[in-house]
């Protein structure tokens, strides 16, 4: 999997998460380093930084500012799925490293 210049949209999330269908992620990849900027819905601005392994799985950390003016941080592991239309779906398991430290799952699809 190669994520450079791909755009993703959140399609589902646990209730304790902040991303939604209005959240758009713009991915960049250099070698095995993944970066993204994202915003939309409850997210004013966010960034992620992580690594891509040989199977295309992602291990990243994120920070974001929500519409309540809070700075939130977390970690996430994502497993890719190749959809029949050739697009990528990411199945994510995440945990807040700020706030209540709770965890959840989400799905993001390439648009």
C-alpha atoms as a PDB file:
ATOM      1  CA  UNK A   1       0.000   0.000   0.000  1.00  0.00           C
ATOM      2  CA  UNK A   2       1.191   3.461  -0.881  1.00  0.00           C
ATOM      3  CA  UNK A   3      -0.636   6.380   0.716  1.00  0.00           C
ATOM      4  CA  UNK A   4       1.029   9.418  -0.856  1.00  0.00           C
ATOM      5  CA  UNK A   5      -1.449  12.054  -2.077  1.00  0.00           C
ATOM      6  CA  UNK A   6      -4.467   9.971  -1.057  1.00  0.00           C
ATOM      7  CA  UNK A   7      -7.512  11.477   0.634  1.00  0.00           C
ATOM      8  CA  UNK A   8      -9.598   9.617   3.215  1.00  0.00           C
ATOM      9  CA  UNK A   9     -12.938  10.288   4.894  1.00  0.00           C
ATOM     10  CA  UNK A  10     -14.091   8.861   8.213  1.00  0.00           C
ATOM     11  CA  UNK A  11     -17.068   6.523   7.700  1.00  0.00           C
ATOM     12  CA  UNK A  12     -17.529   5.185  11.235  1.00  0.00           C
ATOM     13  CA  UNK A  13     -16.163   5.800  14.713  1.00  0.00           C
ATOM     14  CA  UNK A  14     -16.733   4.794  18.322  1.00  0.00           C
ATOM     15  CA  UNK A  15     -18.891   7.196  20.330  1.00  0.00           C
ATOM     16  CA  UNK A  16     -15.883   8.500  22.281  1.00  0.00           C
ATOM     17  CA  UNK A  17     -14.084   9.541  19.078  1.00  0.00           C
ATOM     18  CA  UNK A  18     -14.134  12.953  17.420  1.00  0.00           C
ATOM     19  CA  UNK A  19     -13.889  12.173  13.698  1.00  0.00           C
ATOM     20  CA  UNK A  20     -17.026  11.950  11.564  1.00  0.00           C
ATOM     21  CA  UNK A  21     -18.103  11.829   7.916  1.00  0.00           C
ATOM     22  CA  UNK A  22     -17.155  15.531   7.727  1.00  0.00           C
ATOM     23  CA  UNK A  23     -13.528  14.761   8.667  1.00  0.00           C
ATOM     24  CA  UNK A  24     -11.170  14.644   5.667  1.00  0.00           C
ATOM     25  CA  UNK A  25      -7.584  13.350   5.862  1.00  0.00           C
ATOM     26  CA  UNK A  26      -4.874  14.294   3.323  1.00  0.00           C
ATOM     27  CA  UNK A  27      -2.073  11.705   3.435  1.00  0.00           C
ATOM     28  CA  UNK A  28       1.556  12.088   2.365  1.00  0.00           C
ATOM     29  CA  UNK A  29       4.140   9.302   2.381  1.00  0.00           C
ATOM     30  CA  UNK A  30       7.923   9.483   1.985  1.00  0.00           C
ATOM     31  CA  UNK A  31       9.556   6.076   2.197  1.00  0.00           C
ATOM     32  CA  UNK A  32       7.892   4.401   5.158  1.00  0.00           C
ATOM     33  CA  UNK A  33       7.042   7.716   6.880  1.00  0.00           C
ATOM     34  CA  UNK A  34       3.372   8.707   6.850  1.00  0.00           C
ATOM     35  CA  UNK A  35       2.072  12.227   7.508  1.00  0.00           C
ATOM     36  CA  UNK A  36      -1.414  13.693   7.259  1.00  0.00           C
ATOM     37  CA  UNK A  37      -3.376  16.846   7.904  1.00  0.00           C
ATOM     38  CA  UNK A  38      -7.062  16.603   8.673  1.00  0.00           C
ATOM     39  CA  UNK A  39     -10.060  18.706   9.657  1.00  0.00           C
ATOM     40  CA  UNK A  40     -13.828  18.796   9.498  1.00  0.00           C
ATOM     41  CA  UNK A  41     -16.752  18.149  11.784  1.00  0.00           C
ATOM     42  CA  UNK A  42     -15.564  18.464  15.403  1.00  0.00           C
ATOM     43  CA  UNK A  43     -11.919  18.761  14.292  1.00  0.00           C
ATOM     44  CA  UNK A  44     -10.622  22.293  13.691  1.00  0.00           C
ATOM     45  CA  UNK A  45      -7.123  21.058  12.778  1.00  0.00           C
ATOM     46  CA  UNK A  46      -5.233  17.810  13.176  1.00  0.00           C
ATOM     47  CA  UNK A  47      -1.982  16.126  12.202  1.00  0.00           C
ATOM     48  CA  UNK A  48      -0.753  12.571  12.284  1.00  0.00           C
ATOM     49  CA  UNK A  49       2.753  11.149  11.985  1.00  0.00           C
ATOM     50  CA  UNK A  50       3.613   7.504  11.723  1.00  0.00           C
ATOM     51  CA  UNK A  51       5.175   4.557  10.001  1.00  0.00           C
ATOM     52  CA  UNK A  52       3.987   2.209   7.252  1.00  0.00           C
ATOM     53  CA  UNK A  53       5.128  -1.417   7.440  1.00  0.00           C
ATOM     54  CA  UNK A  54       5.698  -3.811   4.520  1.00  0.00           C
ATOM     55  CA  UNK A  55       2.063  -4.981   4.637  1.00  0.00           C
ATOM     56  CA  UNK A  56       0.783  -1.387   4.490  1.00  0.00           C
ATOM     57  CA  UNK A  57      -0.257  -1.358   8.143  1.00  0.00           C
ATOM     58  CA  UNK A  58       0.031   1.985   9.901  1.00  0.00           C
ATOM     59  CA  UNK A  59       1.292   2.873  13.361  1.00  0.00           C
ATOM     60  CA  UNK A  60       0.864   6.559  14.073  1.00  0.00           C
ATOM     61  CA  UNK A  61       0.363   9.243  16.679  1.00  0.00           C
ATOM     62  CA  UNK A  62      -2.060  12.125  16.254  1.00  0.00           C
ATOM     63  CA  UNK A  63      -2.885  15.470  17.781  1.00  0.00           C
ATOM     64  CA  UNK A  64      -5.878  17.655  17.058  1.00  0.00           C
ATOM     65  CA  UNK A  65      -7.780  20.692  18.255  1.00  0.00           C
ATOM     66  CA  UNK A  66     -11.525  20.191  18.528  1.00  0.00           C
ATOM     67  CA  UNK A  67     -14.342  22.716  18.274  1.00  0.00           C
ATOM     68  CA  UNK A  68     -14.371  22.987  22.096  1.00  0.00           C
ATOM     69  CA  UNK A  69     -10.828  24.398  21.900  1.00  0.00           C
ATOM     70  CA  UNK A  70      -9.256  21.291  23.446  1.00  0.00           C
ATOM     71  CA  UNK A  71      -5.912  19.857  22.322  1.00  0.00           C
ATOM     72  CA  UNK A  72      -6.332  16.070  22.112  1.00  0.00           C
ATOM     73  CA  UNK A  73      -3.650  13.443  21.459  1.00  0.00           C
ATOM     74  CA  UNK A  74      -3.688   9.737  20.713  1.00  0.00           C
ATOM     75  CA  UNK A  75      -2.195   6.702  19.058  1.00  0.00           C
ATOM     76  CA  UNK A  76      -3.592   4.454  16.346  1.00  0.00           C
ATOM     77  CA  UNK A  77      -2.901   1.245  14.463  1.00  0.00           C
ATOM     78  CA  UNK A  78      -4.576   0.798  11.073  1.00  0.00           C
ATOM     79  CA  UNK A  79      -4.984  -2.312   8.930  1.00  0.00           C
ATOM     80  CA  UNK A  80      -5.658  -1.708   5.214  1.00  0.00           C
ATOM     81  CA  UNK A  81      -8.250  -3.476   3.097  1.00  0.00           C
ATOM     82  CA  UNK A  82      -8.266  -3.239  -0.707  1.00  0.00           C
ATOM     83  CA  UNK A  83     -11.866  -2.619  -1.806  1.00  0.00           C
ATOM     84  CA  UNK A  84     -13.285  -4.072  -5.064  1.00  0.00           C
ATOM     85  CA  UNK A  85     -13.181  -0.578  -6.623  1.00  0.00           C
ATOM     86  CA  UNK A  86      -9.411  -0.380  -5.978  1.00  0.00           C
ATOM     87  CA  UNK A  87      -9.729   2.112  -3.127  1.00  0.00           C
ATOM     88  CA  UNK A  88      -8.279   1.559   0.341  1.00  0.00           C
ATOM     89  CA  UNK A  89     -10.281   1.123   3.538  1.00  0.00           C
ATOM     90  CA  UNK A  90      -8.450   1.470   6.867  1.00  0.00           C
ATOM     91  CA  UNK A  91      -9.674  -0.413   9.949  1.00  0.00           C
ATOM     92  CA  UNK A  92      -8.356   1.534  12.922  1.00  0.00           C
ATOM     93  CA  UNK A  93      -7.853   0.748  16.589  1.00  0.00           C
ATOM     94  CA  UNK A  94      -7.015   3.859  18.578  1.00  0.00           C
ATOM     95  CA  UNK A  95      -6.538   5.176  22.096  1.00  0.00           C
ATOM     96  CA  UNK A  96      -6.535   8.681  23.517  1.00  0.00           C
ATOM     97  CA  UNK A  97      -3.276   9.636  25.261  1.00  0.00           C
ATOM     98  CA  UNK A  98      -5.013  12.714  26.683  1.00  0.00           C
ATOM     99  CA  UNK A  99      -8.377  13.197  28.337  1.00  0.00           C
ATOM    100  CA  UNK A 100      -9.953   9.989  29.608  1.00  0.00           C
ATOM    101  CA  UNK A 101      -7.402   7.659  27.911  1.00  0.00           C
ATOM    102  CA  UNK A 102     -10.287   5.630  26.438  1.00  0.00           C
ATOM    103  CA  UNK A 103      -9.993   3.576  23.256  1.00  0.00           C
ATOM    104  CA  UNK A 104     -12.132   2.817  20.241  1.00  0.00           C
ATOM    105  CA  UNK A 105     -12.303   1.731  16.633  1.00  0.00           C
ATOM    106  CA  UNK A 106     -12.965   3.593  13.413  1.00  0.00           C
ATOM    107  CA  UNK A 107     -13.032   3.071   9.660  1.00  0.00           C
ATOM    108  CA  UNK A 108     -11.787   5.526   7.043  1.00  0.00           C
ATOM    109  CA  UNK A 109     -12.221   5.123   3.285  1.00  0.00           C
ATOM    110  CA  UNK A 110     -10.206   6.553   0.438  1.00  0.00           C
ATOM    111  CA  UNK A 111     -12.283   9.043  -1.549  1.00  0.00           C
END
